Amino acid sequence: MYKDNSQLRMEDFIFPYGKLDPENDWVKLAALVPWEIAEERYAARFVNNGHPAHPARMALGALLIQRRLKCSDQWLVKHIGENPYLQYFIGMKEYGPCPFGASTLVAFRKRFSEEDLAAILEASVPKAETGKQDDSDDGNDPPNSGTLILDATCCPADIAYPQDIDLLNQVREKAEKTVDELCKAAGQKKPRMYRKRARKDYLRLSKSKKRSGKAIRSAIRKQLQYIRRDIRYIAELVQKGAKLSSKQADHLNIMTTVYEQQRLMFESGTHSIPRRIVSLAQPWVRPIVRGKAHANTEFGSKLHISLVDGYARIERLDFEPFNESEDLWRAVARYRERYGCYPERILADKIYRSRQTLAFCKEHGIRLSGPALGKPPKAPGLSRQAKKLEYQDNCDRAWCKNLCKRNSTKSRMTLRKQGRLGAEALPNRRSRRTGRYARRWRCECRPGCRDNLRERVSQRPGRRT
C-alpha cells in the first residue's frame, strides 16, 4: 500500500537547535531533484492493500545519499540519524532517528528500475528555450539552434591485462577443479591429468624474461592439449550419469568458448577473433581498439556520449565494439525530441564525417565542421573560410591550453602558416635581464585568455626584429 505524500519545504522542517542553512549543498540538491516524477513512478508499483510503504522521497533520497557519500548500508543509517540536512533531504518532517534500517535499502533498490531512473534524470535537466516551437501554422520546422557535442570513450573494466597463456592456464585449472568435483560427487576415481607437468610448462614461459615467438606458440599448444583432455573427461563423466550444477554448466560453456577461440587463433596465426573473451570472471568484457598513445587497446564498455549545455547523456553503451558515427542520427533525433528543433552545429571528430552523415547534415541545415572529403578545393578563399570555421569549432571542443601550448616555436609558426593557429601582432617588449627584444603574438582562440601569449627572442641582441 502507498499513500500520496506532499513535498516538504525547508521552512516546514522542525529542528530544535536552530534553522537550516539554505546555502547547504543538500538543501540545494533537494530543490533540483524532480520528486513529483519519482512519486508517480514509485506509486505505480504498489497495490491498495497491506502496510503503507516508505515515501518515494525517502527511498530515492537514501539511494542518492549513499551514492554520493560512497558508504555502506549500515553507515548510511548512521549518517542520516546524525545529520539534519540529510533528514530534510529524504523528506523527514522533524529531527529524529533514522526511520528505516540497513536491510530496507535492499527493497529501495528493487523499487526503482532503469527506466524509472532514466525518466527521473531526464526530468531533472532544465528545458532550454530552444525547445519552444513557433505558434505559426505554416507547417515549417523551427530554425536550428544550439550545439551538440558527440564523442566516444571507453570505461575500463577492473581486470588483469589479458594474455593468451594466462587465460589458458586459468581455463585448465577450472577444468581440473570441475573434474575433481564431479568425481567426488559420483564416487569415481580421478583420471590422470598431468597437473604438475602442465603447471611446469606454464611457469617455464611466464617466468622467462625473454619470450620468443616459438616458445609462446609451444606453450600455448601444450595448454590447448591439456584443456582438450580435461574437457573430454568432463564429457565422459556426464555421459556416465554425473550432473552439472548451473554454475558448473556456465563455467563449462565459457571454458569451451575460450578453448575454441584460442584454438582458431593458434591454427590461423591471428590475434583477433569476433566476440573474444579476455576474462573468465567477466566474460562479457571485450577489447576496444581506441588508437590512443597511452593505450592502443582498452578492455571494458564503450560509451557514446552527447553533451548539450553542460549536461552529458549516454546515447549508447555496449561491450561490443561499434562505430560511433552510426549513432549520429539517433543523437540528432533525440536532440530534436528534447528541444523541438535540430542543432545549429555538431562538434565531433573526423570519424563522424562520412558521406551519409554529411548528406544528412546538409539536408537539415546542420553544420558539421572538418576537412572536406576527397581532393582539396582549388579556390583558396573557400579553403581559408572552411579552415576558419574548423578552427573555431575545435576551440569550442578542446581546452584553450591544449590548443595554444606547443613544444617549440617552429611548430607554432607552422600551424600559424597553415591557418590552424590565429595570431595578432603585439608591440615588441625588451627583456630586462638580457636586453633582447621579443616579438609577441596573441592567440585568437578565446577572448580573455592569458595562457596564449607567444614570445620569440630575436637572435640579434639590442636590435628589433
Protein backbone atom coordinates (compact mmCIF):
# COMPACT_ATOMS: atom_id res chain seq x y z
CA MET A 1 0.00 0.00 0.00
CA TYR A 2 1.20 3.52 -0.77
CA LYS A 3 -0.08 6.93 0.32
CA ASP A 4 0.45 10.17 -1.54
CA ASN A 5 2.95 12.45 0.20
CA SER A 6 3.20 16.19 -0.30
CA GLN A 7 6.73 17.50 -0.74
CA LEU A 8 8.41 19.06 2.28
CA ARG A 9 9.63 22.65 2.30
CA MET A 10 12.66 23.80 4.21
CA GLU A 11 10.52 26.09 6.40
CA ASP A 12 8.36 23.14 7.49
CA PHE A 13 11.25 21.09 8.83
CA ILE A 14 11.30 21.14 12.64
CA PHE A 15 14.83 21.41 14.03
CA PRO A 16 15.02 22.16 17.78
CA TYR A 17 18.56 23.58 17.66
CA GLY A 18 18.10 26.37 15.12
CA LYS A 19 17.30 26.77 11.43
CA LEU A 20 18.67 25.06 8.37
CA ASP A 21 21.08 26.93 6.15
CA PRO A 22 19.52 27.49 2.70
CA GLU A 23 23.02 27.58 1.15
CA ASN A 24 23.78 24.00 2.21
CA ASP A 25 24.59 21.58 -0.63
CA TRP A 26 21.90 19.08 0.39
CA VAL A 27 19.25 21.82 0.52
CA LYS A 28 20.22 22.99 -2.97
CA LEU A 29 20.27 19.42 -4.29
CA ALA A 30 16.79 18.76 -2.84
CA ALA A 31 15.45 21.65 -4.91
CA LEU A 32 16.88 20.13 -8.12
CA VAL A 33 15.53 16.58 -7.79
CA PRO A 34 12.11 16.06 -9.51
CA TRP A 35 10.38 14.42 -6.56
CA GLU A 36 6.97 14.56 -8.28
CA ILE A 37 8.13 12.36 -11.17
CA ALA A 38 9.71 9.93 -8.72
CA GLU A 39 6.45 9.88 -6.74
CA GLU A 40 4.42 8.88 -9.80
CA ARG A 41 6.82 6.13 -10.85
CA TYR A 42 7.20 4.85 -7.30
CA ALA A 43 3.45 4.74 -6.51
CA ALA A 44 2.67 2.71 -9.66
CA ARG A 45 4.46 -0.32 -8.17
CA PHE A 46 2.09 -0.74 -5.22
CA VAL A 47 -1.45 -2.03 -4.73
CA ASN A 48 -4.08 -0.66 -2.35
CA ASN A 49 -3.63 -3.15 0.47
CA GLY A 50 -1.11 -4.01 3.14
CA HIS A 51 1.08 -1.84 5.31
CA PRO A 52 1.91 1.67 3.92
CA ALA A 53 5.35 1.83 2.32
CA HIS A 54 8.01 4.45 2.86
CA PRO A 55 7.63 7.62 0.73
CA ALA A 56 9.33 7.89 -2.63
CA ARG A 57 11.45 10.82 -1.49
CA MET A 58 12.79 8.77 1.40
CA ALA A 59 13.65 5.80 -0.82
CA LEU A 60 15.21 7.78 -3.67
CA GLY A 61 16.90 10.27 -1.35
CA ALA A 62 18.56 7.49 0.64
CA LEU A 63 19.96 5.94 -2.55
CA LEU A 64 21.26 9.31 -3.76
CA ILE A 65 22.94 9.99 -0.41
CA GLN A 66 24.58 6.57 -0.43
CA ARG A 67 25.89 7.05 -3.96
CA ARG A 68 27.30 10.48 -3.17
CA LEU A 69 28.88 9.55 0.18
CA LYS A 70 30.06 6.14 -1.09
CA CYS A 71 29.26 4.37 2.15
CA SER A 72 27.70 1.04 3.16
CA ASP A 73 24.11 0.49 4.24
CA GLN A 74 24.99 0.50 7.94
CA TRP A 75 26.98 3.72 7.72
CA LEU A 76 24.21 5.37 5.70
CA VAL A 77 21.72 4.76 8.51
CA LYS A 78 24.21 6.31 10.98
CA HIS A 79 24.81 9.37 8.82
CA ILE A 80 21.10 10.05 8.37
CA GLY A 81 20.46 9.70 12.11
CA GLU A 82 23.14 12.30 12.92
CA ASN A 83 22.74 14.89 10.13
CA PRO A 84 19.60 17.10 9.99
CA TYR A 85 20.32 18.13 6.40
CA LEU A 86 20.24 14.51 5.27
CA GLN A 87 16.94 14.06 7.15
CA TYR A 88 15.47 17.05 5.34
CA PHE A 89 16.76 15.67 2.05
CA ILE A 90 14.86 12.37 2.48
CA GLY A 91 11.66 14.20 3.47
CA MET A 92 11.54 13.80 7.27
CA LYS A 93 9.36 16.43 8.93
CA GLU A 94 11.42 16.81 12.09
CA TYR A 95 14.80 15.89 13.51
CA GLY A 96 14.99 12.36 14.93
CA PRO A 97 16.44 8.88 14.43
CA CYS A 98 16.61 7.24 11.02
CA PRO A 99 13.14 5.84 10.18
CA PHE A 100 14.45 2.70 8.42
CA GLY A 101 17.11 0.06 8.90
CA ALA A 102 20.01 -1.08 6.75
CA SER A 103 18.07 -4.06 5.38
CA THR A 104 15.34 -1.76 3.99
CA LEU A 105 17.78 -0.33 1.45
CA VAL A 106 17.66 -3.65 -0.40
CA ALA A 107 13.95 -3.09 -1.04
CA PHE A 108 14.59 0.54 -2.05
CA ARG A 109 16.96 -0.57 -4.82
CA LYS A 110 14.43 -3.05 -6.20
CA ARG A 111 11.66 -0.46 -6.42
CA PHE A 112 13.45 1.75 -8.98
CA SER A 113 14.05 0.21 -12.38
CA GLU A 114 16.46 1.50 -15.02
CA GLU A 115 13.56 3.11 -16.90
CA ASP A 116 12.42 4.92 -13.76
CA LEU A 117 15.88 6.29 -13.04
CA ALA A 118 16.29 7.39 -16.67
CA ALA A 119 12.97 9.26 -16.54
CA ILE A 120 13.92 10.95 -13.25
CA LEU A 121 17.30 12.02 -14.59
CA GLU A 122 15.73 13.36 -17.80
CA ALA A 123 13.20 15.36 -15.80
CA SER A 124 15.98 16.89 -13.69
CA VAL A 125 17.57 18.54 -16.74
CA PRO A 126 16.15 22.06 -17.25
CA LYS A 127 14.40 22.61 -20.53
CA ALA A 128 16.09 25.10 -22.80
CA GLU A 129 14.28 27.92 -24.54
CA THR A 130 15.25 26.47 -27.90
CA GLY A 131 12.62 23.81 -27.38
CA LYS A 132 9.79 26.33 -27.78
CA GLN A 133 8.25 25.81 -31.15
CA ASP A 134 6.70 28.57 -33.18
CA ASP A 135 2.96 29.09 -32.89
CA SER A 136 2.59 29.69 -36.61
CA ASP A 137 0.58 27.16 -38.59
CA ASP A 138 2.74 27.28 -41.72
CA GLY A 139 3.99 23.74 -41.06
CA ASN A 140 7.68 24.64 -41.36
CA ASP A 141 10.26 23.35 -38.91
CA PRO A 142 11.62 25.83 -36.35
CA PRO A 143 15.09 27.24 -37.07
CA ASN A 144 18.08 25.26 -35.92
CA SER A 145 19.54 26.28 -32.59
CA GLY A 146 22.10 25.01 -30.08
CA THR A 147 25.30 22.99 -30.20
CA LEU A 148 25.53 19.20 -29.95
CA ILE A 149 28.90 17.69 -28.97
CA LEU A 150 29.42 13.99 -29.71
CA ASP A 151 32.29 11.76 -28.69
CA ALA A 152 33.02 8.16 -27.71
CA THR A 153 35.09 6.80 -24.85
CA CYS A 154 35.82 3.54 -23.09
CA CYS A 155 35.16 2.70 -19.45
CA PRO A 156 37.97 0.27 -18.48
CA ALA A 157 36.95 -2.81 -16.53
CA ASP A 158 38.80 -3.95 -13.43
CA ILE A 159 40.53 -6.98 -14.94
CA ALA A 160 44.12 -8.11 -15.34
CA TYR A 161 45.78 -7.43 -18.66
CA PRO A 162 44.79 -10.45 -20.77
CA GLN A 163 47.44 -12.77 -22.16
CA ASP A 164 46.70 -15.97 -24.02
CA ILE A 165 48.91 -18.16 -21.88
CA ASP A 166 47.45 -16.81 -18.60
CA LEU A 167 43.90 -17.20 -19.85
CA LEU A 168 44.50 -20.79 -20.93
CA ASN A 169 46.10 -21.59 -17.60
CA GLN A 170 43.01 -20.32 -15.79
CA VAL A 171 40.77 -22.42 -18.02
CA ARG A 172 42.89 -25.51 -17.35
CA GLU A 173 42.74 -25.02 -13.59
CA LYS A 174 38.95 -24.53 -13.63
CA ALA A 175 38.52 -27.63 -15.79
CA GLU A 176 40.63 -29.68 -13.34
CA LYS A 177 38.56 -28.38 -10.43
CA THR A 178 35.33 -29.33 -12.24
CA VAL A 179 36.64 -32.86 -12.86
CA ASP A 180 37.52 -33.21 -9.16
CA GLU A 181 34.04 -32.09 -8.09
CA LEU A 182 32.28 -34.47 -10.49
CA CYS A 183 34.45 -37.42 -9.47
CA LYS A 184 33.81 -36.72 -5.80
CA ALA A 185 30.05 -36.45 -6.32
CA ALA A 186 29.91 -39.65 -8.40
CA GLY A 187 32.35 -41.57 -6.18
CA GLN A 188 34.71 -42.38 -9.06
CA LYS A 189 38.49 -42.37 -9.27
CA LYS A 190 40.16 -39.24 -10.64
CA PRO A 191 41.69 -39.65 -14.12
CA ARG A 192 45.28 -38.76 -14.88
CA MET A 193 45.51 -35.12 -15.95
CA TYR A 194 49.27 -34.33 -15.67
CA ARG A 195 48.70 -31.30 -13.46
CA LYS A 196 52.30 -30.87 -12.31
CA ARG A 197 53.61 -31.14 -15.85
CA ALA A 198 51.05 -28.61 -17.11
CA ARG A 199 51.88 -26.23 -14.30
CA LYS A 200 55.58 -26.56 -15.00
CA ASP A 201 55.06 -25.83 -18.71
CA TYR A 202 53.10 -22.69 -17.83
CA LEU A 203 55.69 -21.39 -15.34
CA ARG A 204 58.52 -22.03 -17.79
CA LEU A 205 57.10 -19.35 -20.07
CA SER A 206 55.55 -16.97 -17.54
CA LYS A 207 58.81 -16.64 -15.56
CA SER A 208 61.09 -16.30 -18.56
CA LYS A 209 62.46 -12.79 -19.16
CA LYS A 210 62.64 -13.07 -22.94
CA ARG A 211 59.75 -14.75 -24.71
CA SER A 212 60.33 -15.77 -28.28
CA GLY A 213 57.52 -16.41 -30.69
CA LYS A 214 58.44 -20.07 -30.95
CA ALA A 215 58.35 -20.51 -27.16
CA ILE A 216 54.96 -18.79 -26.88
CA ARG A 217 53.40 -20.99 -29.57
CA SER A 218 54.85 -24.10 -27.99
CA ALA A 219 53.43 -23.21 -24.54
CA ILE A 220 50.00 -22.36 -25.99
CA ARG A 221 49.90 -25.61 -27.94
CA LYS A 222 50.61 -27.63 -24.78
CA GLN A 223 47.95 -25.81 -22.76
CA LEU A 224 45.40 -26.42 -25.51
CA GLN A 225 46.20 -30.14 -25.39
CA TYR A 226 45.73 -30.24 -21.61
CA ILE A 227 42.40 -28.39 -21.83
CA ARG A 228 41.14 -30.67 -24.60
CA ARG A 229 41.89 -33.71 -22.43
CA ASP A 230 40.13 -32.18 -19.38
CA ILE A 231 37.00 -31.26 -21.38
CA ARG A 232 36.89 -34.83 -22.71
CA TYR A 233 36.99 -36.15 -19.14
CA ILE A 234 34.07 -33.89 -18.17
CA ALA A 235 32.01 -35.10 -21.14
CA GLU A 236 32.70 -38.74 -20.25
CA LEU A 237 31.66 -38.18 -16.63
CA VAL A 238 28.41 -36.52 -17.71
CA GLN A 239 27.64 -39.44 -20.03
CA LYS A 240 28.13 -41.83 -17.11
CA GLY A 241 25.47 -40.04 -15.06
CA ALA A 242 27.22 -37.13 -13.35
CA LYS A 243 25.12 -33.98 -13.12
CA LEU A 244 26.46 -30.49 -13.59
CA SER A 245 25.11 -27.66 -11.45
CA SER A 246 24.01 -24.42 -13.09
CA LYS A 247 27.25 -22.73 -12.03
CA GLN A 248 29.36 -25.58 -13.39
CA ALA A 249 27.41 -25.56 -16.66
CA ASP A 250 28.02 -21.83 -17.10
CA HIS A 251 31.71 -22.26 -16.40
CA LEU A 252 31.89 -25.14 -18.87
CA ASN A 253 30.30 -23.05 -21.62
CA ILE A 254 32.81 -20.26 -21.02
CA MET A 255 35.74 -22.69 -20.95
CA THR A 256 34.74 -24.36 -24.21
CA THR A 257 34.25 -20.97 -25.86
CA VAL A 258 37.69 -19.79 -24.79
CA TYR A 259 39.23 -23.07 -25.95
CA GLU A 260 37.63 -22.81 -29.40
CA GLN A 261 38.67 -19.17 -29.79
CA GLN A 262 42.26 -19.81 -28.76
CA ARG A 263 42.45 -22.90 -30.97
CA LEU A 264 41.21 -20.99 -34.02
CA MET A 265 43.66 -18.15 -33.43
CA PHE A 266 46.51 -20.62 -32.90
CA GLU A 267 45.77 -22.51 -36.11
CA SER A 268 45.22 -19.39 -38.24
CA GLY A 269 48.11 -17.42 -36.73
CA THR A 270 45.97 -14.37 -35.91
CA HIS A 271 45.46 -12.44 -32.68
CA SER A 272 41.86 -11.28 -33.11
CA ILE A 273 38.51 -13.01 -33.30
CA PRO A 274 34.91 -11.79 -33.03
CA ARG A 275 33.41 -11.68 -29.52
CA ARG A 276 36.72 -12.60 -27.95
CA ILE A 277 36.66 -13.45 -24.23
CA VAL A 278 39.52 -11.85 -22.30
CA SER A 279 38.45 -12.60 -18.72
CA LEU A 280 36.83 -15.65 -17.14
CA ALA A 281 35.44 -13.64 -14.23
CA GLN A 282 33.85 -11.09 -16.60
CA PRO A 283 33.24 -12.91 -19.89
CA TRP A 284 31.17 -10.03 -21.27
CA VAL A 285 34.20 -7.69 -21.44
CA ARG A 286 35.60 -7.17 -24.93
CA PRO A 287 38.76 -5.47 -26.25
CA ILE A 288 38.06 -1.98 -27.58
CA VAL A 289 40.63 -0.60 -30.02
CA ARG A 290 40.91 3.14 -29.39
CA GLY A 291 44.21 4.03 -31.04
CA LYS A 292 45.37 6.27 -28.19
CA ALA A 293 49.01 6.93 -27.48
CA HIS A 294 48.99 5.64 -23.90
CA ALA A 295 46.81 2.58 -24.63
CA ASN A 296 46.05 1.32 -28.12
CA THR A 297 43.52 -1.22 -26.82
CA GLU A 298 41.29 -0.89 -23.76
CA PHE A 299 39.10 -3.51 -22.13
CA GLY A 300 35.63 -2.53 -20.96
CA SER A 301 32.41 -0.98 -22.21
CA LYS A 302 32.30 1.59 -24.98
CA LEU A 303 30.21 4.72 -24.40
CA HIS A 304 28.78 7.13 -26.94
CA ILE A 305 28.17 10.43 -25.12
CA SER A 306 26.40 13.63 -26.17
CA LEU A 307 26.94 16.97 -24.42
CA VAL A 308 24.40 19.81 -24.57
CA ASP A 309 24.61 22.92 -22.37
CA GLY A 310 26.91 21.15 -19.92
CA TYR A 311 24.65 18.08 -19.50
CA ALA A 312 26.12 14.77 -20.68
CA ARG A 313 23.91 11.89 -21.78
CA ILE A 314 24.85 8.33 -22.67
CA GLU A 315 23.49 7.70 -26.14
CA ARG A 316 24.74 4.11 -26.32
CA LEU A 317 26.51 1.68 -24.01
CA ASP A 318 27.79 -1.61 -25.37
CA PHE A 319 30.58 -4.04 -24.55
CA GLU A 320 30.92 -4.93 -28.23
CA PRO A 321 32.96 -2.50 -30.36
CA PHE A 322 30.90 -0.28 -32.65
CA ASN A 323 31.36 2.71 -34.93
CA GLU A 324 30.10 5.81 -33.14
CA SER A 325 29.31 7.61 -36.41
CA GLU A 326 26.39 5.20 -36.92
CA ASP A 327 24.63 6.71 -33.88
CA LEU A 328 24.73 10.30 -35.11
CA TRP A 329 21.18 10.07 -36.47
CA ARG A 330 19.85 8.78 -33.14
CA ALA A 331 21.59 11.54 -31.19
CA VAL A 332 20.18 14.21 -33.52
CA ALA A 333 16.68 12.69 -33.35
CA ARG A 334 16.78 12.66 -29.53
CA TYR A 335 18.02 16.25 -29.54
CA ARG A 336 15.00 17.24 -31.62
CA GLU A 337 12.65 15.38 -29.28
CA ARG A 338 14.02 17.23 -26.27
CA TYR A 339 14.39 20.74 -27.69
CA GLY A 340 11.96 20.78 -30.60
CA CYS A 341 14.50 21.68 -33.29
CA TYR A 342 17.67 20.46 -34.94
CA PRO A 343 21.06 21.64 -33.61
CA GLU A 344 22.74 24.50 -35.39
CA ARG A 345 26.10 22.73 -35.37
CA ILE A 346 27.61 19.40 -34.33
CA LEU A 347 31.10 19.26 -32.85
CA ALA A 348 32.59 15.82 -33.41
CA ASP A 349 35.73 14.02 -34.57
CA LYS A 350 36.65 13.24 -38.16
CA ILE A 351 35.22 9.74 -37.88
CA TYR A 352 31.72 11.23 -37.99
CA ARG A 353 32.35 12.91 -41.35
CA SER A 354 31.16 10.17 -43.69
CA ARG A 355 29.23 10.77 -46.90
CA GLN A 356 25.96 9.69 -45.30
CA THR A 357 26.31 11.94 -42.26
CA LEU A 358 27.42 14.91 -44.35
CA ALA A 359 24.41 14.49 -46.64
CA PHE A 360 22.10 14.22 -43.61
CA CYS A 361 23.54 17.39 -42.04
CA LYS A 362 23.35 19.28 -45.31
CA GLU A 363 19.72 18.27 -45.79
CA HIS A 364 18.70 19.60 -42.35
CA GLY A 365 20.96 22.65 -42.33
CA ILE A 366 23.34 21.38 -39.64
CA ARG A 367 26.99 22.43 -39.68
CA LEU A 368 29.50 19.62 -39.16
CA SER A 369 32.93 21.23 -39.37
CA GLY A 370 36.03 19.43 -40.51
CA PRO A 371 38.16 18.73 -43.58
CA ALA A 372 36.23 18.03 -46.76
CA LEU A 373 36.26 14.55 -48.25
CA GLY A 374 38.22 13.98 -51.45
CA LYS A 375 40.69 16.39 -53.06
CA PRO A 376 41.22 19.87 -51.61
CA PRO A 377 39.31 22.69 -53.37
CA LYS A 378 41.10 24.81 -55.97
CA ALA A 379 39.70 28.11 -54.71
CA PRO A 380 41.96 29.29 -51.82
CA GLY A 381 39.26 31.57 -50.41
CA LEU A 382 36.87 28.71 -49.78
CA SER A 383 39.63 26.67 -48.18
CA ARG A 384 40.59 29.57 -45.89
CA GLN A 385 36.98 30.10 -44.85
CA ALA A 386 36.49 26.38 -44.14
CA LYS A 387 39.66 26.29 -42.04
CA LYS A 388 38.46 29.29 -40.05
CA LEU A 389 35.18 27.57 -39.22
CA GLU A 390 37.01 24.36 -38.38
CA TYR A 391 39.39 26.21 -36.09
CA GLN A 392 36.53 27.99 -34.32
CA ASP A 393 34.69 24.71 -33.68
CA ASN A 394 37.88 23.00 -32.47
CA CYS A 395 38.46 25.81 -29.98
CA ASP A 396 34.98 25.22 -28.57
CA ARG A 397 35.59 21.47 -28.28
CA ALA A 398 39.03 21.45 -26.73
CA TRP A 399 40.54 23.36 -23.86
CA CYS A 400 42.43 26.50 -24.69
CA LYS A 401 45.70 25.30 -23.21
CA ASN A 402 45.70 22.11 -25.27
CA LEU A 403 45.43 24.14 -28.47
CA CYS A 404 47.74 27.02 -27.64
CA LYS A 405 50.67 25.44 -25.83
CA ARG A 406 53.20 23.90 -28.23
CA ASN A 407 56.61 22.41 -27.57
CA SER A 408 58.58 24.63 -29.92
CA THR A 409 58.39 27.91 -31.79
CA LYS A 410 58.83 26.10 -35.10
CA SER A 411 55.67 24.06 -34.64
CA ARG A 412 53.75 27.20 -33.68
CA MET A 413 54.91 29.00 -36.80
CA THR A 414 53.99 26.01 -38.97
CA LEU A 415 50.49 25.88 -37.51
CA ARG A 416 50.11 29.61 -37.95
CA LYS A 417 51.11 29.43 -41.63
CA GLN A 418 48.61 26.62 -42.17
CA GLY A 419 45.84 28.77 -40.74
CA ARG A 420 45.24 26.48 -37.76
CA LEU A 421 46.59 28.92 -35.15
CA GLY A 422 45.42 32.52 -35.43
CA ALA A 423 47.61 35.31 -34.08
CA GLU A 424 47.56 39.05 -33.54
CA ALA A 425 50.77 41.09 -33.51
CA LEU A 426 51.60 42.91 -30.28
CA PRO A 427 54.20 45.60 -29.55
CA ASN A 428 57.69 44.26 -29.00
CA ARG A 429 58.94 44.01 -25.44
CA ARG A 430 62.54 44.27 -24.20
CA SER A 431 63.86 41.86 -21.60
CA ARG A 432 65.42 43.49 -18.53
CA ARG A 433 67.84 40.62 -17.98
CA THR A 434 69.24 40.09 -21.48
CA GLY A 435 68.38 43.36 -23.17
CA ARG A 436 66.88 41.49 -26.14
CA TYR A 437 63.64 42.32 -27.85
CA ALA A 438 60.93 39.74 -28.22
CA ARG A 439 58.16 39.62 -30.76
CA ARG A 440 54.83 38.63 -29.26
CA TRP A 441 51.59 37.22 -30.62
CA ARG A 442 48.20 36.75 -29.03
CA CYS A 443 46.15 33.70 -29.99
CA GLU A 444 42.58 34.31 -31.18
CA CYS A 445 41.14 31.08 -29.85
CA ARG A 446 39.23 32.62 -26.94
CA PRO A 447 38.86 36.22 -25.71
CA GLY A 448 40.45 36.98 -22.38
CA CYS A 449 42.85 34.01 -22.44
CA ARG A 450 46.10 34.70 -20.59
CA ASP A 451 47.89 31.45 -21.41
CA ASN A 452 48.23 32.12 -25.14
CA LEU A 453 51.00 34.72 -25.17
CA ARG A 454 53.64 33.85 -27.72
CA GLU A 455 57.19 35.17 -27.48
CA ARG A 456 60.22 34.65 -29.68
CA VAL A 457 63.53 36.13 -28.68
CA SER A 458 65.47 37.59 -31.57
CA GLN A 459 68.88 36.18 -32.39
CA ARG A 460 70.45 39.64 -32.58
CA PRO A 461 70.58 41.30 -29.15
CA GLY A 462 69.86 45.01 -29.00
CA ARG A 463 68.00 45.15 -32.34
CA ARG A 464 64.39 44.80 -33.15
CA THR A 465 63.39 42.04 -35.50
